[in-house]
Amino acid sequence: MSQDDDRRSTFTEFLDRHPSGGLHHVAYFSNDFEATVGDAAARGLHLKPHMEYVDEAGNAFESYYEPKENPDAVLLQLALPSPLDPVYRAIVDIADHWDGSDPRRDFWALVNEPAA
């Protein structure tokens, strides 16, 4: 994903710290954010929320966390089953059939694509 404007976001903050770019986050699917963050803490990785997306009812379905001990580290993205599931399935399908050409995709085009 790339950002094409200069609005403040987790991506612009990352680029302020890493002007040359780099790995922004690693994603995991989770059925329970609290349990996943608790499990990480039990293993010695203490996370603090950095950014989250919420649905129309106010429920978080995707959250980014950063290690408390190293806020400059790669972020951890956790995602619950959500309205973005069709988008994630499309991303997997694109990756499965990618021939090395056309490396960029418009995330919002995938979001707005009619369901197959």
PDB file of N, CA and C in Angstrom:
ATOM      1  N   MET A   1       0.850  -1.167   0.000  1.00  0.00           N
ATOM      2  CA  MET A   1       0.000   0.000   0.000  1.00  0.00           C
ATOM      3  C   MET A   1       0.897   1.232   0.000  1.00  0.00           C
ATOM      4  N   SER A   2       0.523   2.221  -0.749  1.00  0.00           N
ATOM      5  CA  SER A   2       1.251   3.486  -0.740  1.00  0.00           C
ATOM      6  C   SER A   2       0.248   4.617  -0.602  1.00  0.00           C
ATOM      7  N   GLN A   3       0.698   5.675   0.001  1.00  0.00           N
ATOM      8  CA  GLN A   3      -0.151   6.837   0.201  1.00  0.00           C
ATOM      9  C   GLN A   3       0.210   7.874  -0.841  1.00  0.00           C
ATOM     10  N   ASP A   4      -0.800   8.453  -1.491  1.00  0.00           N
ATOM     11  CA  ASP A   4      -0.553   9.390  -2.580  1.00  0.00           C
ATOM     12  C   ASP A   4      -0.844  10.844  -2.225  1.00  0.00           C
ATOM     13  N   ASP A   5      -1.001  11.147  -0.936  1.00  0.00           N
ATOM     14  CA  ASP A   5      -1.178  12.536  -0.514  1.00  0.00           C
ATOM     15  C   ASP A   5      -0.343  12.756   0.744  1.00  0.00           C
ATOM     16  N   ASP A   6      -0.405  13.952   1.333  1.00  0.00           N
ATOM     17  CA  ASP A   6       0.457  14.244   2.473  1.00  0.00           C
ATOM     18  C   ASP A   6      -0.302  14.326   3.798  1.00  0.00           C
ATOM     19  N   ARG A   7      -1.528  13.781   3.843  1.00  0.00           N
ATOM     20  CA  ARG A   7      -2.250  13.730   5.112  1.00  0.00           C
ATOM     21  C   ARG A   7      -1.464  12.906   6.125  1.00  0.00           C
ATOM     22  N   ARG A   8      -1.502  13.296   7.393  1.00  0.00           N
ATOM     23  CA  ARG A   8      -0.802  12.595   8.460  1.00  0.00           C
ATOM     24  C   ARG A   8      -1.393  11.194   8.606  1.00  0.00           C
ATOM     25  N   SER A   9      -0.549  10.204   8.675  1.00  0.00           N
ATOM     26  CA  SER A   9      -1.004   8.824   8.831  1.00  0.00           C
ATOM     27  C   SER A   9       0.141   7.995   9.395  1.00  0.00           C
ATOM     28  N   THR A  10      -0.148   6.759   9.689  1.00  0.00           N
ATOM     29  CA  THR A  10       0.904   5.853  10.142  1.00  0.00           C
ATOM     30  C   THR A  10       1.988   5.714   9.072  1.00  0.00           C
ATOM     31  N   PHE A  11       1.608   5.857   7.813  1.00  0.00           N
ATOM     32  CA  PHE A  11       2.572   5.723   6.720  1.00  0.00           C
ATOM     33  C   PHE A  11       3.485   6.942   6.641  1.00  0.00           C
ATOM     34  N   THR A  12       2.907   8.170   6.787  1.00  0.00           N
ATOM     35  CA  THR A  12       3.758   9.361   6.733  1.00  0.00           C
ATOM     36  C   THR A  12       4.671   9.423   7.948  1.00  0.00           C
ATOM     37  N   GLU A  13       4.172   8.976   9.108  1.00  0.00           N
ATOM     38  CA  GLU A  13       5.027   8.938  10.303  1.00  0.00           C
ATOM     39  C   GLU A  13       6.203   7.990  10.076  1.00  0.00           C
ATOM     40  N   PHE A  14       5.935   6.850   9.463  1.00  0.00           N
ATOM     41  CA  PHE A  14       6.992   5.881   9.175  1.00  0.00           C
ATOM     42  C   PHE A  14       8.034   6.492   8.237  1.00  0.00           C
ATOM     43  N   LEU A  15       7.557   7.164   7.194  1.00  0.00           N
ATOM     44  CA  LEU A  15       8.495   7.758   6.235  1.00  0.00           C
ATOM     45  C   LEU A  15       9.273   8.924   6.833  1.00  0.00           C
ATOM     46  N   ASP A  16       8.707   9.611   7.822  1.00  0.00           N
ATOM     47  CA  ASP A  16       9.479  10.637   8.530  1.00  0.00           C
ATOM     48  C   ASP A  16      10.686  10.010   9.222  1.00  0.00           C
ATOM     49  N   ARG A  17      10.505   8.810   9.770  1.00  0.00           N
ATOM     50  CA  ARG A  17      11.598   8.121  10.480  1.00  0.00           C
ATOM     51  C   ARG A  17      12.497   7.349   9.526  1.00  0.00           C
ATOM     52  N   HIS A  18      11.945   6.916   8.380  1.00  0.00           N
ATOM     53  CA  HIS A  18      12.685   6.097   7.414  1.00  0.00           C
ATOM     54  C   HIS A  18      12.482   6.673   6.014  1.00  0.00           C
ATOM     55  N   PRO A  19      13.138   7.792   5.700  1.00  0.00           N
ATOM     56  CA  PRO A  19      12.901   8.453   4.408  1.00  0.00           C
ATOM     57  C   PRO A  19      13.134   7.557   3.193  1.00  0.00           C
ATOM     58  N   SER A  20      13.963   6.544   3.327  1.00  0.00           N
ATOM     59  CA  SER A  20      14.227   5.643   2.205  1.00  0.00           C
ATOM     60  C   SER A  20      13.178   4.543   2.088  1.00  0.00           C
ATOM     61  N   GLY A  21      12.232   4.511   3.013  1.00  0.00           N
ATOM     62  CA  GLY A  21      11.210   3.471   2.990  1.00  0.00           C
ATOM     63  C   GLY A  21      11.669   2.223   3.716  1.00  0.00           C
ATOM     64  N   GLY A  22      10.946   1.143   3.516  1.00  0.00           N
ATOM     65  CA  GLY A  22      11.270  -0.119   4.168  1.00  0.00           C
ATOM     66  C   GLY A  22      10.005  -0.859   4.546  1.00  0.00           C
ATOM     67  N   LEU A  23      10.178  -1.934   5.288  1.00  0.00           N
ATOM     68  CA  LEU A  23       9.042  -2.746   5.733  1.00  0.00           C
ATOM     69  C   LEU A  23       8.273  -1.992   6.808  1.00  0.00           C
ATOM     70  N   HIS A  24       7.010  -1.738   6.563  1.00  0.00           N
ATOM     71  CA  HIS A  24       6.171  -0.966   7.479  1.00  0.00           C
ATOM     72  C   HIS A  24       5.513  -1.848   8.535  1.00  0.00           C
ATOM     73  N   HIS A  25       4.906  -2.950   8.123  1.00  0.00           N
ATOM     74  CA  HIS A  25       4.217  -3.802   9.092  1.00  0.00           C
ATOM     75  C   HIS A  25       4.162  -5.249   8.622  1.00  0.00           C
ATOM     76  N   VAL A  26       3.927  -6.114   9.587  1.00  0.00           N
ATOM     77  CA  VAL A  26       3.694  -7.530   9.341  1.00  0.00           C
ATOM     78  C   VAL A  26       2.273  -7.802   9.822  1.00  0.00           C
ATOM     79  N   ALA A  27       1.488  -8.513   9.032  1.00  0.00           N
ATOM     80  CA  ALA A  27       0.075  -8.711   9.351  1.00  0.00           C
ATOM     81  C   ALA A  27      -0.213 -10.135   9.815  1.00  0.00           C
ATOM     82  N   TYR A  28      -1.121 -10.233  10.766  1.00  0.00           N
ATOM     83  CA  TYR A  28      -1.611 -11.503  11.284  1.00  0.00           C
ATOM     84  C   TYR A  28      -3.115 -11.412  11.429  1.00  0.00           C
ATOM     85  N   PHE A  29      -3.797 -12.502  11.182  1.00  0.00           N
ATOM     86  CA  PHE A  29      -5.217 -12.547  11.472  1.00  0.00           C
ATOM     87  C   PHE A  29      -5.381 -13.020  12.908  1.00  0.00           C
ATOM     88  N   SER A  30      -6.348 -12.455  13.595  1.00  0.00           N
ATOM     89  CA  SER A  30      -6.588 -12.752  15.004  1.00  0.00           C
ATOM     90  C   SER A  30      -8.086 -12.854  15.216  1.00  0.00           C
ATOM     91  N   ASN A  31      -8.497 -13.723  16.111  1.00  0.00           N
ATOM     92  CA  ASN A  31      -9.912 -13.790  16.469  1.00  0.00           C
ATOM     93  C   ASN A  31     -10.213 -12.971  17.711  1.00  0.00           C
ATOM     94  N   ASP A  32      -9.142 -12.506  18.407  1.00  0.00           N
ATOM     95  CA  ASP A  32      -9.322 -11.786  19.659  1.00  0.00           C
ATOM     96  C   ASP A  32      -8.082 -10.936  19.902  1.00  0.00           C
ATOM     97  N   PHE A  33      -8.186  -9.627  19.640  1.00  0.00           N
ATOM     98  CA  PHE A  33      -7.024  -8.747  19.798  1.00  0.00           C
ATOM     99  C   PHE A  33      -6.458  -8.816  21.211  1.00  0.00           C
ATOM    100  N   GLU A  34      -7.336  -8.738  22.212  1.00  0.00           N
ATOM    101  CA  GLU A  34      -6.874  -8.722  23.606  1.00  0.00           C
ATOM    102  C   GLU A  34      -6.078  -9.986  23.932  1.00  0.00           C
ATOM    103  N   ALA A  35      -6.572 -11.131  23.491  1.00  0.00           N
ATOM    104  CA  ALA A  35      -5.866 -12.389  23.749  1.00  0.00           C
ATOM    105  C   ALA A  35      -4.537 -12.439  22.996  1.00  0.00           C
ATOM    106  N   THR A  36      -4.520 -11.958  21.763  1.00  0.00           N
ATOM    107  CA  THR A  36      -3.291 -11.974  20.965  1.00  0.00           C
ATOM    108  C   THR A  36      -2.236 -11.063  21.579  1.00  0.00           C
ATOM    109  N   VAL A  37      -2.642  -9.858  21.980  1.00  0.00           N
ATOM    110  CA  VAL A  37      -1.705  -8.923  22.611  1.00  0.00           C
ATOM    111  C   VAL A  37      -1.240  -9.484  23.955  1.00  0.00           C
ATOM    112  N   GLY A  38      -2.142 -10.120  24.695  1.00  0.00           N
ATOM    113  CA  GLY A  38      -1.774 -10.746  25.971  1.00  0.00           C
ATOM    114  C   GLY A  38      -0.781 -11.873  25.778  1.00  0.00           C
ATOM    115  N   ASP A  39      -0.967 -12.684  24.733  1.00  0.00           N
ATOM    116  CA  ASP A  39      -0.039 -13.772  24.439  1.00  0.00           C
ATOM    117  C   ASP A  39       1.341 -13.209  24.087  1.00  0.00           C
ATOM    118  N   ALA A  40       1.372 -12.125  23.305  1.00  0.00           N
ATOM    119  CA  ALA A  40       2.657 -11.497  22.964  1.00  0.00           C
ATOM    120  C   ALA A  40       3.354 -11.009  24.223  1.00  0.00           C
ATOM    121  N   ALA A  41       2.605 -10.390  25.139  1.00  0.00           N
ATOM    122  CA  ALA A  41       3.188  -9.894  26.391  1.00  0.00           C
ATOM    123  C   ALA A  41       3.745 -11.042  27.224  1.00  0.00           C
ATOM    124  N   ALA A  42       3.022 -12.165  27.261  1.00  0.00           N
ATOM    125  CA  ALA A  42       3.492 -13.326  28.016  1.00  0.00           C
ATOM    126  C   ALA A  42       4.807 -13.859  27.455  1.00  0.00           C
ATOM    127  N   ARG A  43       5.041 -13.603  26.182  1.00  0.00           N
ATOM    128  CA  ARG A  43       6.281 -14.046  25.523  1.00  0.00           C
ATOM    129  C   ARG A  43       7.361 -12.957  25.538  1.00  0.00           C
ATOM    130  N   GLY A  44       7.059 -11.817  26.201  1.00  0.00           N
ATOM    131  CA  GLY A  44       8.050 -10.761  26.346  1.00  0.00           C
ATOM    132  C   GLY A  44       7.944  -9.614  25.357  1.00  0.00           C
ATOM    133  N   LEU A  45       6.938  -9.626  24.485  1.00  0.00           N
ATOM    134  CA  LEU A  45       6.749  -8.536  23.513  1.00  0.00           C
ATOM    135  C   LEU A  45       5.569  -7.697  23.971  1.00  0.00           C
ATOM    136  N   HIS A  46       5.841  -6.521  24.494  1.00  0.00           N
ATOM    137  CA  HIS A  46       4.791  -5.642  25.004  1.00  0.00           C
ATOM    138  C   HIS A  46       4.419  -4.636  23.920  1.00  0.00           C
ATOM    139  N   LEU A  47       3.141  -4.643  23.548  1.00  0.00           N
ATOM    140  CA  LEU A  47       2.656  -3.840  22.421  1.00  0.00           C
ATOM    141  C   LEU A  47       1.751  -2.714  22.894  1.00  0.00           C
ATOM    142  N   LYS A  48       1.817  -1.588  22.188  1.00  0.00           N
ATOM    143  CA  LYS A  48       0.870  -0.503  22.445  1.00  0.00           C
ATOM    144  C   LYS A  48       0.163  -0.176  21.140  1.00  0.00           C
ATOM    145  N   PRO A  49      -1.120   0.174  21.212  1.00  0.00           N
ATOM    146  CA  PRO A  49      -1.865   0.495  20.000  1.00  0.00           C
ATOM    147  C   PRO A  49      -1.258   1.699  19.288  1.00  0.00           C
ATOM    148  N   HIS A  50      -1.250   1.649  17.978  1.00  0.00           N
ATOM    149  CA  HIS A  50      -0.706   2.739  17.172  1.00  0.00           C
ATOM    150  C   HIS A  50      -1.807   3.355  16.301  1.00  0.00           C
ATOM    151  N   MET A  51      -2.662   2.512  15.750  1.00  0.00           N
ATOM    152  CA  MET A  51      -3.728   2.979  14.866  1.00  0.00           C
ATOM    153  C   MET A  51      -4.749   1.850  14.754  1.00  0.00           C
ATOM    154  N   GLU A  52      -6.024   2.204  14.629  1.00  0.00           N
ATOM    155  CA  GLU A  52      -7.010   1.138  14.413  1.00  0.00           C
ATOM    156  C   GLU A  52      -8.129   1.619  13.521  1.00  0.00           C
ATOM    157  N   TYR A  53      -8.747   0.657  12.862  1.00  0.00           N
ATOM    158  CA  TYR A  53      -9.915   0.905  12.024  1.00  0.00           C
ATOM    159  C   TYR A  53     -11.117   0.310  12.741  1.00  0.00           C
ATOM    160  N   VAL A  54     -12.227   1.024  12.721  1.00  0.00           N
ATOM    161  CA  VAL A  54     -13.436   0.549  13.378  1.00  0.00           C
ATOM    162  C   VAL A  54     -14.580   0.485  12.374  1.00  0.00           C
ATOM    163  N   ASP A  55     -15.515  -0.425  12.634  1.00  0.00           N
ATOM    164  CA  ASP A  55     -16.675  -0.544  11.751  1.00  0.00           C
ATOM    165  C   ASP A  55     -17.733   0.489  12.147  1.00  0.00           C
ATOM    166  N   GLU A  56     -18.860   0.463  11.469  1.00  0.00           N
ATOM    167  CA  GLU A  56     -19.916   1.454  11.716  1.00  0.00           C
ATOM    168  C   GLU A  56     -20.466   1.386  13.133  1.00  0.00           C
ATOM    169  N   ALA A  57     -20.343   0.225  13.796  1.00  0.00           N
ATOM    170  CA  ALA A  57     -20.825   0.072  15.168  1.00  0.00           C
ATOM    171  C   ALA A  57     -19.766   0.460  16.197  1.00  0.00           C
ATOM    172  N   GLY A  58     -18.581   0.874  15.726  1.00  0.00           N
ATOM    173  CA  GLY A  58     -17.520   1.287  16.640  1.00  0.00           C
ATOM    174  C   GLY A  58     -16.607   0.159  17.106  1.00  0.00           C
ATOM    175  N   ASN A  59     -16.707  -1.009  16.467  1.00  0.00           N
ATOM    176  CA  ASN A  59     -15.873  -2.151  16.853  1.00  0.00           C
ATOM    177  C   ASN A  59     -14.595  -2.170  16.022  1.00  0.00           C
ATOM    178  N   ALA A  60     -13.453  -2.273  16.696  1.00  0.00           N
ATOM    179  CA  ALA A  60     -12.176  -2.353  15.980  1.00  0.00           C
ATOM    180  C   ALA A  60     -12.105  -3.672  15.227  1.00  0.00           C
ATOM    181  N   PHE A  61     -11.744  -3.603  13.935  1.00  0.00           N
ATOM    182  CA  PHE A  61     -11.573  -4.838  13.171  1.00  0.00           C
ATOM    183  C   PHE A  61     -10.167  -4.964  12.602  1.00  0.00           C
ATOM    184  N   GLU A  62      -9.392  -3.895  12.701  1.00  0.00           N
ATOM    185  CA  GLU A  62      -8.009  -3.949  12.244  1.00  0.00           C
ATOM    186  C   GLU A  62      -7.226  -2.958  13.094  1.00  0.00           C
ATOM    187  N   SER A  63      -6.141  -3.418  13.694  1.00  0.00           N
ATOM    188  CA  SER A  63      -5.340  -2.568  14.569  1.00  0.00           C
ATOM    189  C   SER A  63      -3.867  -2.753  14.275  1.00  0.00           C
ATOM    190  N   TYR A  64      -3.139  -1.649  14.415  1.00  0.00           N
ATOM    191  CA  TYR A  64      -1.684  -1.676  14.285  1.00  0.00           C
ATOM    192  C   TYR A  64      -1.096  -1.419  15.670  1.00  0.00           C
ATOM    193  N   TYR A  65      -0.096  -2.192  16.042  1.00  0.00           N
ATOM    194  CA  TYR A  65       0.563  -2.060  17.331  1.00  0.00           C
ATOM    195  C   TYR A  65       2.055  -1.865  17.105  1.00  0.00           C
ATOM    196  N   GLU A  66       2.693  -1.173  18.062  1.00  0.00           N
ATOM    197  CA  GLU A  66       4.141  -1.062  18.009  1.00  0.00           C
ATOM    198  C   GLU A  66       4.705  -1.550  19.331  1.00  0.00           C
ATOM    199  N   PRO A  67       5.908  -2.138  19.298  1.00  0.00           N
ATOM    200  CA  PRO A  67       6.532  -2.593  20.540  1.00  0.00           C
ATOM    201  C   PRO A  67       6.798  -1.406  21.461  1.00  0.00           C
ATOM    202  N   LYS A  68       6.423  -1.521  22.739  1.00  0.00           N
ATOM    203  CA  LYS A  68       6.632  -0.429  23.694  1.00  0.00           C
ATOM    204  C   LYS A  68       8.121  -0.121  23.847  1.00  0.00           C
ATOM    205  N   GLU A  69       8.962  -1.146  23.799  1.00  0.00           N
ATOM    206  CA  GLU A  69      10.392  -0.955  24.012  1.00  0.00           C
ATOM    207  C   GLU A  69      11.095  -0.362  22.796  1.00  0.00           C
ATOM    208  N   ASN A  70      10.469  -0.439  21.625  1.00  0.00           N
ATOM    209  CA  ASN A  70      11.120   0.031  20.405  1.00  0.00           C
ATOM    210  C   ASN A  70      10.067   0.573  19.446  1.00  0.00           C
ATOM    211  N   PRO A  71       9.641   1.826  19.655  1.00  0.00           N
ATOM    212  CA  PRO A  71       8.588   2.363  18.795  1.00  0.00           C
ATOM    213  C   PRO A  71       9.022   2.561  17.346  1.00  0.00           C
ATOM    214  N   ASP A  72      10.281   2.349  17.048  1.00  0.00           N
ATOM    215  CA  ASP A  72      10.762   2.512  15.680  1.00  0.00           C
ATOM    216  C   ASP A  72      10.769   1.185  14.922  1.00  0.00           C
ATOM    217  N   ALA A  73      10.283   0.137  15.558  1.00  0.00           N
ATOM    218  CA  ALA A  73      10.301  -1.193  14.945  1.00  0.00           C
ATOM    219  C   ALA A  73       9.166  -1.342  13.938  1.00  0.00           C
ATOM    220  N   VAL A  74       9.194  -2.430  13.202  1.00  0.00           N
ATOM    221  CA  VAL A  74       8.113  -2.768  12.272  1.00  0.00           C
ATOM    222  C   VAL A  74       6.829  -2.946  13.082  1.00  0.00           C
ATOM    223  N   LEU A  75       5.747  -2.406  12.579  1.00  0.00           N
ATOM    224  CA  LEU A  75       4.465  -2.525  13.258  1.00  0.00           C
ATOM    225  C   LEU A  75       3.877  -3.919  13.068  1.00  0.00           C
ATOM    226  N   LEU A  76       3.031  -4.289  13.986  1.00  0.00           N
ATOM    227  CA  LEU A  76       2.297  -5.550  13.920  1.00  0.00           C
ATOM    228  C   LEU A  76       0.842  -5.198  13.639  1.00  0.00           C
ATOM    229  N   GLN A  77       0.319  -5.711  12.541  1.00  0.00           N
ATOM    230  CA  GLN A  77      -1.079  -5.477  12.186  1.00  0.00           C
ATOM    231  C   GLN A  77      -1.874  -6.719  12.555  1.00  0.00           C
ATOM    232  N   LEU A  78      -2.961  -6.529  13.279  1.00  0.00           N
ATOM    233  CA  LEU A  78      -3.872  -7.629  13.605  1.00  0.00           C
ATOM    234  C   LEU A  78      -5.208  -7.338  12.945  1.00  0.00           C
ATOM    235  N   ALA A  79      -5.786  -8.340  12.345  1.00  0.00           N
ATOM    236  CA  ALA A  79      -7.063  -8.155  11.666  1.00  0.00           C
ATOM    237  C   ALA A  79      -8.043  -9.244  12.064  1.00  0.00           C
ATOM    238  N   LEU A  80      -9.228  -8.836  12.444  1.00  0.00           N
ATOM    239  CA  LEU A  80     -10.334  -9.741  12.728  1.00  0.00           C
ATOM    240  C   LEU A  80     -11.103  -9.977  11.440  1.00  0.00           C
ATOM    241  N   PRO A  81     -11.940 -11.009  11.411  1.00  0.00           N
ATOM    242  CA  PRO A  81     -12.853 -11.103  10.268  1.00  0.00           C
ATOM    243  C   PRO A  81     -13.603  -9.766  10.157  1.00  0.00           C
ATOM    244  N   SER A  82     -13.695  -9.229   8.927  1.00  0.00           N
ATOM    245  CA  SER A  82     -14.220  -7.877   8.792  1.00  0.00           C
ATOM    246  C   SER A  82     -14.778  -7.624   7.400  1.00  0.00           C
ATOM    247  N   PRO A  83     -15.265  -6.403   7.195  1.00  0.00           N
ATOM    248  CA  PRO A  83     -15.736  -6.037   5.855  1.00  0.00           C
ATOM    249  C   PRO A  83     -14.615  -6.078   4.816  1.00  0.00           C
ATOM    250  N   LEU A  84     -13.346  -6.096   5.244  1.00  0.00           N
ATOM    251  CA  LEU A  84     -12.235  -6.135   4.294  1.00  0.00           C
ATOM    252  C   LEU A  84     -11.865  -7.549   3.854  1.00  0.00           C
ATOM    253  N   ASP A  85     -12.527  -8.564   4.371  1.00  0.00           N
ATOM    254  CA  ASP A  85     -12.192  -9.942   3.989  1.00  0.00           C
ATOM    255  C   ASP A  85     -12.194 -10.162   2.475  1.00  0.00           C
ATOM    256  N   PRO A  86     -13.183  -9.652   1.718  1.00  0.00           N
ATOM    257  CA  PRO A  86     -13.126  -9.837   0.255  1.00  0.00           C
ATOM    258  C   PRO A  86     -11.879  -9.184  -0.358  1.00  0.00           C
ATOM    259  N   VAL A  87     -11.454  -8.060   0.195  1.00  0.00           N
ATOM    260  CA  VAL A  87     -10.251  -7.391  -0.307  1.00  0.00           C
ATOM    261  C   VAL A  87      -9.033  -8.271  -0.055  1.00  0.00           C
ATOM    262  N   TYR A  88      -8.924  -8.807   1.160  1.00  0.00           N
ATOM    263  CA  TYR A  88      -7.782  -9.671   1.475  1.00  0.00           C
ATOM    264  C   TYR A  88      -7.776 -10.919   0.593  1.00  0.00           C
ATOM    265  N   ARG A  89      -8.962 -11.482   0.326  1.00  0.00           N
ATOM    266  CA  ARG A  89      -9.034 -12.641  -0.582  1.00  0.00           C
ATOM    267  C   ARG A  89      -8.561 -12.244  -1.979  1.00  0.00           C
ATOM    268  N   ALA A  90      -8.946 -11.047  -2.437  1.00  0.00           N
ATOM    269  CA  ALA A  90      -8.494 -10.576  -3.757  1.00  0.00           C
ATOM    270  C   ALA A  90      -6.981 -10.409  -3.781  1.00  0.00           C
ATOM    271  N   ILE A  91      -6.400  -9.911  -2.700  1.00  0.00           N
ATOM    272  CA  ILE A  91      -4.944  -9.736  -2.626  1.00  0.00           C
ATOM    273  C   ILE A  91      -4.246 -11.087  -2.710  1.00  0.00           C
ATOM    274  N   VAL A  92      -4.776 -12.077  -2.003  1.00  0.00           N
ATOM    275  CA  VAL A  92      -4.198 -13.424  -2.061  1.00  0.00           C
ATOM    276  C   VAL A  92      -4.292 -13.974  -3.483  1.00  0.00           C
ATOM    277  N   ASP A  93      -5.436 -13.777  -4.134  1.00  0.00           N
ATOM    278  CA  ASP A  93      -5.611 -14.253  -5.506  1.00  0.00           C
ATOM    279  C   ASP A  93      -4.636 -13.555  -6.454  1.00  0.00           C
ATOM    280  N   ILE A  94      -4.469 -12.253  -6.308  1.00  0.00           N
ATOM    281  CA  ILE A  94      -3.510 -11.510  -7.140  1.00  0.00           C
ATOM    282  C   ILE A  94      -2.105 -12.073  -6.930  1.00  0.00           C
ATOM    283  N   ALA A  95      -1.722 -12.299  -5.677  1.00  0.00           N
ATOM    284  CA  ALA A  95      -0.383 -12.827  -5.380  1.00  0.00           C
ATOM    285  C   ALA A  95      -0.206 -14.228  -5.953  1.00  0.00           C
ATOM    286  N   ASP A  96      -1.232 -15.060  -5.831  1.00  0.00           N
ATOM    287  CA  ASP A  96      -1.144 -16.436  -6.337  1.00  0.00           C
ATOM    288  C   ASP A  96      -0.930 -16.487  -7.846  1.00  0.00           C
ATOM    289  N   HIS A  97      -1.428 -15.486  -8.546  1.00  0.00           N
ATOM    290  CA  HIS A  97      -1.364 -15.505 -10.014  1.00  0.00           C
ATOM    291  C   HIS A  97      -0.443 -14.429 -10.586  1.00  0.00           C
ATOM    292  N   TRP A  98       0.389 -13.834  -9.760  1.00  0.00           N
ATOM    293  CA  TRP A  98       1.233 -12.729 -10.204  1.00  0.00           C
ATOM    294  C   TRP A  98       2.380 -13.247 -11.046  1.00  0.00           C
ATOM    295  N   ASP A  99       2.599 -12.617 -12.194  1.00  0.00           N
ATOM    296  CA  ASP A  99       3.677 -13.032 -13.098  1.00  0.00           C
ATOM    297  C   ASP A  99       4.904 -12.124 -12.999  1.00  0.00           C
ATOM    298  N   GLY A 100       4.928 -11.224 -12.022  1.00  0.00           N
ATOM    299  CA  GLY A 100       6.063 -10.323 -11.840  1.00  0.00           C
ATOM    300  C   GLY A 100       5.858  -8.966 -12.489  1.00  0.00           C
ATOM    301  N   SER A 101       4.823  -8.826 -13.290  1.00  0.00           N
ATOM    302  CA  SER A 101       4.551  -7.530 -13.913  1.00  0.00           C
ATOM    303  C   SER A 101       3.531  -6.772 -13.055  1.00  0.00           C
ATOM    304  N   ASP A 102       3.380  -5.500 -13.342  1.00  0.00           N
ATOM    305  CA  ASP A 102       2.372  -4.668 -12.675  1.00  0.00           C
ATOM    306  C   ASP A 102       2.398  -4.848 -11.150  1.00  0.00           C
ATOM    307  N   PRO A 103       3.486  -4.390 -10.487  1.00  0.00           N
ATOM    308  CA  PRO A 103       3.640  -4.655  -9.068  1.00  0.00           C
ATOM    309  C   PRO A 103       2.743  -3.829  -8.145  1.00  0.00           C
ATOM    310  N   ARG A 104       2.121  -2.772  -8.640  1.00  0.00           N
ATOM    311  CA  ARG A 104       1.298  -1.922  -7.783  1.00  0.00           C
ATOM    312  C   ARG A 104      -0.180  -2.127  -8.064  1.00  0.00           C
ATOM    313  N   ARG A 105      -0.958  -2.103  -7.008  1.00  0.00           N
ATOM    314  CA  ARG A 105      -2.420  -2.184  -7.122  1.00  0.00           C
ATOM    315  C   ARG A 105      -3.022  -1.043  -6.317  1.00  0.00           C
ATOM    316  N   ASP A 106      -4.178  -0.588  -6.723  1.00  0.00           N
ATOM    317  CA  ASP A 106      -4.905   0.447  -6.001  1.00  0.00           C
ATOM    318  C   ASP A 106      -5.784  -0.238  -4.952  1.00  0.00           C
ATOM    319  N   PHE A 107      -5.413  -0.082  -3.681  1.00  0.00           N
ATOM    320  CA  PHE A 107      -6.151  -0.721  -2.592  1.00  0.00           C
ATOM    321  C   PHE A 107      -7.617  -0.324  -2.628  1.00  0.00           C
ATOM    322  N   TRP A 108      -7.892   0.967  -2.822  1.00  0.00           N
ATOM    323  CA  TRP A 108      -9.279   1.433  -2.787  1.00  0.00           C
ATOM    324  C   TRP A 108     -10.087   0.899  -3.962  1.00  0.00           C
ATOM    325  N   ALA A 109      -9.440   0.636  -5.082  1.00  0.00           N
ATOM    326  CA  ALA A 109     -10.145  -0.001  -6.198  1.00  0.00           C
ATOM    327  C   ALA A 109     -10.578  -1.408  -5.792  1.00  0.00           C
ATOM    328  N   LEU A 110      -9.727  -2.109  -5.047  1.00  0.00           N
ATOM    329  CA  LEU A 110     -10.103  -3.447  -4.567  1.00  0.00           C
ATOM    330  C   LEU A 110     -11.253  -3.372  -3.572  1.00  0.00           C
ATOM    331  N   VAL A 111     -11.220  -2.348  -2.712  1.00  0.00           N
ATOM    332  CA  VAL A 111     -12.294  -2.165  -1.721  1.00  0.00           C
ATOM    333  C   VAL A 111     -13.622  -1.935  -2.432  1.00  0.00           C
ATOM    334  N   ASN A 112     -13.587  -1.129  -3.484  1.00  0.00           N
ATOM    335  CA  ASN A 112     -14.820  -0.736  -4.172  1.00  0.00           C
ATOM    336  C   ASN A 112     -15.226  -1.682  -5.293  1.00  0.00           C
ATOM    337  N   GLU A 113     -14.421  -2.718  -5.524  1.00  0.00           N
ATOM    338  CA  GLU A 113     -14.733  -3.684  -6.576  1.00  0.00           C
ATOM    339  C   GLU A 113     -15.973  -4.483  -6.191  1.00  0.00           C
ATOM    340  N   PRO A 114     -16.910  -4.650  -7.106  1.00  0.00           N
ATOM    341  CA  PRO A 114     -18.091  -5.450  -6.778  1.00  0.00           C
ATOM    342  C   PRO A 114     -17.712  -6.893  -6.468  1.00  0.00           C
ATOM    343  N   ALA A 115     -18.425  -7.489  -5.514  1.00  0.00           N
ATOM    344  CA  ALA A 115     -18.159  -8.887  -5.133  1.00  0.00           C
ATOM    345  C   ALA A 115     -18.428  -9.801  -6.315  1.00  0.00           C
ATOM    346  N   ALA A 116     -17.560 -10.811  -6.461  1.00  0.00           N
ATOM    347  CA  ALA A 116     -17.722 -11.754  -7.574  1.00  0.00           C
ATOM    348  C   ALA A 116     -18.746 -12.806  -7.257  1.00  0.00           C
TER     349      ALA A 116
END
